[in-house]
Amino acid sequence: MQGKPNILVVCGRNKRRSRTAEYIFKNDMRFNIRSVGLSPKSDRVLQRRDLEWAELILVMQQGQRARLRSTYKEVVMPEIEVLQIADIYEYLDQELVRILTEKINAILNMRFDL
């Protein structure tokens, strides 16, 4: 890998969880981050080019990983990590920020030694 890794964060509608993750880390110099949603009603809908851009995909729930794999069978995807964060938080909720910060930093430190 050259340069900063590209991290794609995915949730249902890109309104709360993935969008919060992008906001938290958007100015982090260790990596690039982008957030998208799986629903056609998402603020930013997942596109094939997002999957091709990513070096690591983070989803909020197990079912989202399964949906990515079944919907985009023809795309060679990087590893998909499940954060196990339920859709119970509002955008930028303090507890959501804490959980995302801890989980994402732990994964990135383990995978990329950042």
N, C-alpha and C. Protein backbone atom coordinates (compact mmCIF):
# COMPACT_ATOMS: atom_id res chain seq x y z
N MET A 1 0.84 -1.18 0.00
CA MET A 1 0.00 0.00 0.00
C MET A 1 0.88 1.24 0.00
N GLN A 2 0.57 2.15 -0.89
CA GLN A 2 1.29 3.42 -0.93
C GLN A 2 0.37 4.53 -0.48
N GLY A 3 0.93 5.50 0.22
CA GLY A 3 0.11 6.61 0.68
C GLY A 3 -0.83 6.21 1.79
N LYS A 4 -1.86 7.00 1.96
CA LYS A 4 -2.83 6.77 3.02
C LYS A 4 -3.88 5.75 2.56
N PRO A 5 -4.29 4.84 3.45
CA PRO A 5 -5.34 3.89 3.08
C PRO A 5 -6.69 4.59 2.92
N ASN A 6 -7.53 4.01 2.07
CA ASN A 6 -8.88 4.51 1.84
C ASN A 6 -9.87 3.64 2.62
N ILE A 7 -10.62 4.29 3.51
CA ILE A 7 -11.57 3.59 4.37
C ILE A 7 -12.99 4.00 3.98
N LEU A 8 -13.82 3.01 3.68
CA LEU A 8 -15.22 3.24 3.34
C LEU A 8 -16.09 2.80 4.52
N VAL A 9 -16.94 3.70 5.00
CA VAL A 9 -17.84 3.39 6.12
C VAL A 9 -19.26 3.35 5.57
N VAL A 10 -19.96 2.25 5.86
CA VAL A 10 -21.28 2.00 5.27
C VAL A 10 -22.30 1.76 6.38
N CYS A 11 -23.47 2.37 6.22
CA CYS A 11 -24.61 2.04 7.09
C CYS A 11 -25.86 2.03 6.21
N GLY A 12 -27.00 2.01 6.83
CA GLY A 12 -28.24 1.89 6.07
C GLY A 12 -28.55 3.06 5.16
N ARG A 13 -28.59 4.28 5.73
CA ARG A 13 -29.02 5.44 4.95
C ARG A 13 -28.03 6.60 4.94
N ASN A 14 -26.86 6.42 5.52
CA ASN A 14 -25.83 7.47 5.53
C ASN A 14 -26.35 8.76 6.13
N LYS A 15 -27.10 8.61 7.21
CA LYS A 15 -27.63 9.79 7.89
C LYS A 15 -27.05 9.96 9.29
N ARG A 16 -26.72 8.85 9.95
CA ARG A 16 -26.28 8.96 11.34
C ARG A 16 -24.93 8.27 11.57
N ARG A 17 -24.90 6.95 11.53
CA ARG A 17 -23.69 6.24 11.94
C ARG A 17 -22.49 6.45 11.01
N SER A 18 -22.65 6.11 9.74
CA SER A 18 -21.50 6.26 8.83
C SER A 18 -21.15 7.73 8.62
N ARG A 19 -22.15 8.56 8.60
CA ARG A 19 -21.90 9.99 8.43
C ARG A 19 -21.16 10.57 9.64
N THR A 20 -21.49 10.10 10.84
CA THR A 20 -20.77 10.52 12.04
C THR A 20 -19.32 10.06 11.95
N ALA A 21 -19.09 8.83 11.52
CA ALA A 21 -17.72 8.33 11.40
C ALA A 21 -16.91 9.19 10.43
N GLU A 22 -17.50 9.53 9.31
CA GLU A 22 -16.79 10.38 8.34
C GLU A 22 -16.49 11.74 8.96
N TYR A 23 -17.43 12.30 9.68
CA TYR A 23 -17.23 13.60 10.30
C TYR A 23 -16.09 13.56 11.32
N ILE A 24 -16.08 12.53 12.14
CA ILE A 24 -15.04 12.39 13.18
C ILE A 24 -13.65 12.35 12.56
N PHE A 25 -13.50 11.59 11.48
CA PHE A 25 -12.18 11.30 10.93
C PHE A 25 -11.86 12.05 9.64
N LYS A 26 -12.70 12.97 9.19
CA LYS A 26 -12.49 13.60 7.89
C LYS A 26 -11.17 14.37 7.79
N ASN A 27 -10.65 14.85 8.89
CA ASN A 27 -9.39 15.59 8.85
C ASN A 27 -8.21 14.78 9.40
N ASP A 28 -8.41 13.50 9.59
CA ASP A 28 -7.36 12.63 10.10
C ASP A 28 -6.33 12.41 8.98
N MET A 29 -5.11 12.74 9.25
CA MET A 29 -4.06 12.66 8.23
C MET A 29 -3.55 11.24 7.99
N ARG A 30 -3.99 10.27 8.78
CA ARG A 30 -3.50 8.90 8.63
C ARG A 30 -4.17 8.15 7.49
N PHE A 31 -5.38 8.55 7.11
CA PHE A 31 -6.13 7.82 6.10
C PHE A 31 -7.20 8.71 5.47
N ASN A 32 -7.74 8.25 4.34
CA ASN A 32 -8.87 8.90 3.68
C ASN A 32 -10.13 8.16 4.09
N ILE A 33 -11.21 8.89 4.28
CA ILE A 33 -12.46 8.24 4.68
C ILE A 33 -13.62 8.77 3.84
N ARG A 34 -14.55 7.89 3.57
CA ARG A 34 -15.75 8.22 2.81
C ARG A 34 -16.89 7.43 3.42
N SER A 35 -18.09 8.01 3.46
CA SER A 35 -19.25 7.29 4.00
C SER A 35 -20.36 7.23 2.96
N VAL A 36 -21.09 6.12 2.99
CA VAL A 36 -22.19 5.89 2.06
C VAL A 36 -23.27 5.08 2.77
N GLY A 37 -24.45 5.01 2.14
CA GLY A 37 -25.53 4.19 2.64
C GLY A 37 -25.97 3.16 1.63
N LEU A 38 -26.60 2.10 2.11
CA LEU A 38 -27.07 1.04 1.22
C LEU A 38 -28.44 1.33 0.62
N SER A 39 -29.24 2.14 1.27
CA SER A 39 -30.59 2.44 0.79
C SER A 39 -30.55 3.40 -0.39
N PRO A 40 -31.45 3.20 -1.35
CA PRO A 40 -31.56 4.17 -2.46
C PRO A 40 -31.96 5.56 -1.96
N LYS A 41 -32.48 5.64 -0.73
CA LYS A 41 -32.86 6.92 -0.15
C LYS A 41 -31.73 7.56 0.66
N SER A 42 -30.54 6.98 0.59
CA SER A 42 -29.39 7.50 1.33
C SER A 42 -28.99 8.87 0.81
N ASP A 43 -28.38 9.66 1.70
CA ASP A 43 -27.82 10.93 1.27
C ASP A 43 -26.75 10.70 0.20
N ARG A 44 -25.90 9.73 0.43
CA ARG A 44 -24.91 9.29 -0.55
C ARG A 44 -25.06 7.79 -0.71
N VAL A 45 -25.53 7.37 -1.85
CA VAL A 45 -25.80 5.95 -2.11
C VAL A 45 -24.50 5.25 -2.53
N LEU A 46 -24.29 4.05 -1.99
CA LEU A 46 -23.13 3.25 -2.34
C LEU A 46 -23.08 3.02 -3.84
N GLN A 47 -21.91 3.24 -4.42
CA GLN A 47 -21.66 2.99 -5.85
C GLN A 47 -20.51 2.00 -5.98
N ARG A 48 -20.46 1.31 -7.09
CA ARG A 48 -19.38 0.36 -7.34
C ARG A 48 -18.01 1.03 -7.18
N ARG A 49 -17.89 2.27 -7.65
CA ARG A 49 -16.61 2.98 -7.57
C ARG A 49 -16.16 3.17 -6.11
N ASP A 50 -17.12 3.27 -5.17
CA ASP A 50 -16.76 3.38 -3.75
C ASP A 50 -16.07 2.11 -3.29
N LEU A 51 -16.60 0.97 -3.70
CA LEU A 51 -16.01 -0.32 -3.32
C LEU A 51 -14.63 -0.49 -3.93
N GLU A 52 -14.47 -0.05 -5.17
CA GLU A 52 -13.18 -0.16 -5.85
C GLU A 52 -12.15 0.79 -5.26
N TRP A 53 -12.59 1.91 -4.71
CA TRP A 53 -11.71 2.90 -4.07
C TRP A 53 -11.18 2.41 -2.74
N ALA A 54 -12.00 1.66 -2.02
CA ALA A 54 -11.70 1.30 -0.63
C ALA A 54 -10.62 0.23 -0.50
N GLU A 55 -9.83 0.38 0.57
CA GLU A 55 -8.88 -0.65 0.97
C GLU A 55 -9.37 -1.40 2.21
N LEU A 56 -10.38 -0.83 2.85
CA LEU A 56 -11.05 -1.46 3.98
C LEU A 56 -12.47 -0.91 4.03
N ILE A 57 -13.42 -1.80 4.25
CA ILE A 57 -14.82 -1.39 4.36
C ILE A 57 -15.28 -1.68 5.78
N LEU A 58 -15.91 -0.69 6.39
CA LEU A 58 -16.46 -0.85 7.73
C LEU A 58 -17.97 -0.73 7.63
N VAL A 59 -18.69 -1.75 8.09
CA VAL A 59 -20.15 -1.71 8.12
C VAL A 59 -20.60 -1.74 9.57
N MET A 60 -21.82 -1.31 9.81
CA MET A 60 -22.30 -1.21 11.18
C MET A 60 -22.87 -2.51 11.71
N GLN A 61 -23.47 -3.32 10.82
CA GLN A 61 -24.13 -4.54 11.26
C GLN A 61 -23.83 -5.69 10.30
N GLN A 62 -23.93 -6.91 10.84
CA GLN A 62 -23.63 -8.13 10.09
C GLN A 62 -24.42 -8.21 8.78
N GLY A 63 -25.70 -7.87 8.82
CA GLY A 63 -26.53 -7.95 7.63
C GLY A 63 -26.06 -7.05 6.51
N GLN A 64 -25.41 -5.96 6.86
CA GLN A 64 -24.90 -5.04 5.83
C GLN A 64 -23.73 -5.67 5.08
N ARG A 65 -22.89 -6.41 5.79
CA ARG A 65 -21.80 -7.12 5.11
C ARG A 65 -22.37 -8.15 4.14
N ALA A 66 -23.34 -8.90 4.59
CA ALA A 66 -23.96 -9.92 3.73
C ALA A 66 -24.60 -9.27 2.51
N ARG A 67 -25.26 -8.15 2.72
CA ARG A 67 -25.90 -7.45 1.59
C ARG A 67 -24.87 -6.94 0.58
N LEU A 68 -23.77 -6.41 1.06
CA LEU A 68 -22.71 -5.96 0.15
C LEU A 68 -22.19 -7.12 -0.69
N ARG A 69 -21.91 -8.22 -0.02
CA ARG A 69 -21.36 -9.38 -0.73
C ARG A 69 -22.34 -9.96 -1.74
N SER A 70 -23.62 -9.99 -1.41
CA SER A 70 -24.59 -10.56 -2.35
C SER A 70 -24.94 -9.60 -3.49
N THR A 71 -24.98 -8.32 -3.21
CA THR A 71 -25.34 -7.33 -4.23
C THR A 71 -24.18 -7.09 -5.20
N TYR A 72 -22.96 -7.15 -4.72
CA TYR A 72 -21.79 -6.82 -5.54
C TYR A 72 -20.87 -8.03 -5.69
N LYS A 73 -21.45 -9.17 -6.07
CA LYS A 73 -20.68 -10.42 -6.21
C LYS A 73 -19.53 -10.30 -7.19
N GLU A 74 -19.72 -9.49 -8.22
CA GLU A 74 -18.72 -9.38 -9.29
C GLU A 74 -17.56 -8.44 -8.93
N VAL A 75 -17.68 -7.72 -7.84
CA VAL A 75 -16.64 -6.77 -7.44
C VAL A 75 -15.67 -7.44 -6.47
N VAL A 76 -14.40 -7.30 -6.76
CA VAL A 76 -13.38 -7.78 -5.82
C VAL A 76 -13.27 -6.73 -4.73
N MET A 77 -13.74 -7.09 -3.54
CA MET A 77 -13.77 -6.13 -2.43
C MET A 77 -12.66 -6.41 -1.43
N PRO A 78 -12.25 -5.37 -0.75
CA PRO A 78 -11.30 -5.58 0.35
C PRO A 78 -12.02 -6.21 1.54
N GLU A 79 -11.30 -6.42 2.60
CA GLU A 79 -11.89 -6.95 3.83
C GLU A 79 -13.03 -6.05 4.31
N ILE A 80 -14.07 -6.69 4.82
CA ILE A 80 -15.21 -5.95 5.38
C ILE A 80 -15.27 -6.26 6.87
N GLU A 81 -15.12 -5.23 7.69
CA GLU A 81 -15.18 -5.37 9.15
C GLU A 81 -16.55 -4.91 9.63
N VAL A 82 -17.13 -5.66 10.56
CA VAL A 82 -18.42 -5.30 11.15
C VAL A 82 -18.17 -4.63 12.49
N LEU A 83 -18.67 -3.40 12.65
CA LEU A 83 -18.47 -2.65 13.89
C LEU A 83 -19.47 -3.02 14.98
N GLN A 84 -20.57 -3.66 14.64
CA GLN A 84 -21.61 -4.05 15.60
C GLN A 84 -22.16 -2.84 16.35
N ILE A 85 -22.65 -1.86 15.60
CA ILE A 85 -23.25 -0.67 16.19
C ILE A 85 -24.70 -0.58 15.72
N ALA A 86 -25.62 -0.72 16.65
CA ALA A 86 -27.05 -0.69 16.33
C ALA A 86 -27.47 0.71 15.87
N ASP A 87 -28.56 0.75 15.13
CA ASP A 87 -29.09 2.01 14.60
C ASP A 87 -29.99 2.67 15.64
N ILE A 88 -29.38 3.08 16.75
CA ILE A 88 -30.15 3.69 17.84
C ILE A 88 -29.65 5.09 18.20
N TYR A 89 -28.64 5.55 17.49
CA TYR A 89 -28.02 6.83 17.82
C TYR A 89 -28.37 7.89 16.79
N GLU A 90 -28.38 9.12 17.22
CA GLU A 90 -28.55 10.25 16.31
C GLU A 90 -27.18 10.67 15.77
N TYR A 91 -27.19 11.44 14.71
CA TYR A 91 -25.97 11.98 14.12
C TYR A 91 -25.19 12.76 15.20
N LEU A 92 -23.91 12.44 15.33
CA LEU A 92 -22.99 13.07 16.28
C LEU A 92 -23.35 12.88 17.76
N ASP A 93 -24.18 11.90 18.07
CA ASP A 93 -24.47 11.55 19.46
C ASP A 93 -23.14 11.27 20.16
N GLN A 94 -22.96 11.78 21.36
CA GLN A 94 -21.68 11.64 22.08
C GLN A 94 -21.27 10.19 22.28
N GLU A 95 -22.22 9.33 22.60
CA GLU A 95 -21.91 7.91 22.79
C GLU A 95 -21.51 7.27 21.46
N LEU A 96 -22.19 7.63 20.38
CA LEU A 96 -21.84 7.12 19.06
C LEU A 96 -20.43 7.57 18.68
N VAL A 97 -20.11 8.82 18.92
CA VAL A 97 -18.77 9.34 18.63
C VAL A 97 -17.72 8.55 19.40
N ARG A 98 -17.97 8.30 20.68
CA ARG A 98 -17.04 7.54 21.50
C ARG A 98 -16.83 6.12 20.96
N ILE A 99 -17.93 5.45 20.66
CA ILE A 99 -17.87 4.07 20.18
C ILE A 99 -17.14 4.00 18.83
N LEU A 100 -17.52 4.86 17.91
CA LEU A 100 -16.88 4.87 16.60
C LEU A 100 -15.39 5.17 16.70
N THR A 101 -15.04 6.14 17.51
CA THR A 101 -13.63 6.51 17.67
C THR A 101 -12.82 5.33 18.19
N GLU A 102 -13.32 4.68 19.22
CA GLU A 102 -12.60 3.54 19.80
C GLU A 102 -12.49 2.38 18.81
N LYS A 103 -13.60 2.01 18.21
CA LYS A 103 -13.61 0.83 17.33
C LYS A 103 -12.80 1.06 16.06
N ILE A 104 -12.98 2.21 15.44
CA ILE A 104 -12.27 2.47 14.18
C ILE A 104 -10.77 2.61 14.43
N ASN A 105 -10.38 3.32 15.48
CA ASN A 105 -8.95 3.43 15.79
C ASN A 105 -8.34 2.06 16.07
N ALA A 106 -9.03 1.20 16.79
CA ALA A 106 -8.51 -0.13 17.10
C ALA A 106 -8.31 -0.95 15.82
N ILE A 107 -9.29 -0.91 14.93
CA ILE A 107 -9.19 -1.67 13.67
C ILE A 107 -8.06 -1.13 12.81
N LEU A 108 -7.97 0.18 12.68
CA LEU A 108 -6.93 0.78 11.85
C LEU A 108 -5.54 0.53 12.42
N ASN A 109 -5.40 0.61 13.72
CA ASN A 109 -4.10 0.33 14.33
C ASN A 109 -3.68 -1.11 14.10
N MET A 110 -4.63 -2.01 14.16
CA MET A 110 -4.33 -3.42 13.96
C MET A 110 -4.01 -3.73 12.48
N ARG A 111 -4.79 -3.17 11.57
CA ARG A 111 -4.65 -3.49 10.14
C ARG A 111 -3.53 -2.73 9.45
N PHE A 112 -3.39 -1.46 9.78
CA PHE A 112 -2.46 -0.60 9.04
C PHE A 112 -1.32 -0.06 9.90
N ASP A 113 -1.32 -0.39 11.18
CA ASP A 113 -0.31 0.09 12.10
C ASP A 113 -0.22 1.62 12.04
N LEU A 114 -1.40 2.26 12.17
CA LEU A 114 -1.47 3.73 12.09
C LEU A 114 -1.35 4.35 13.46
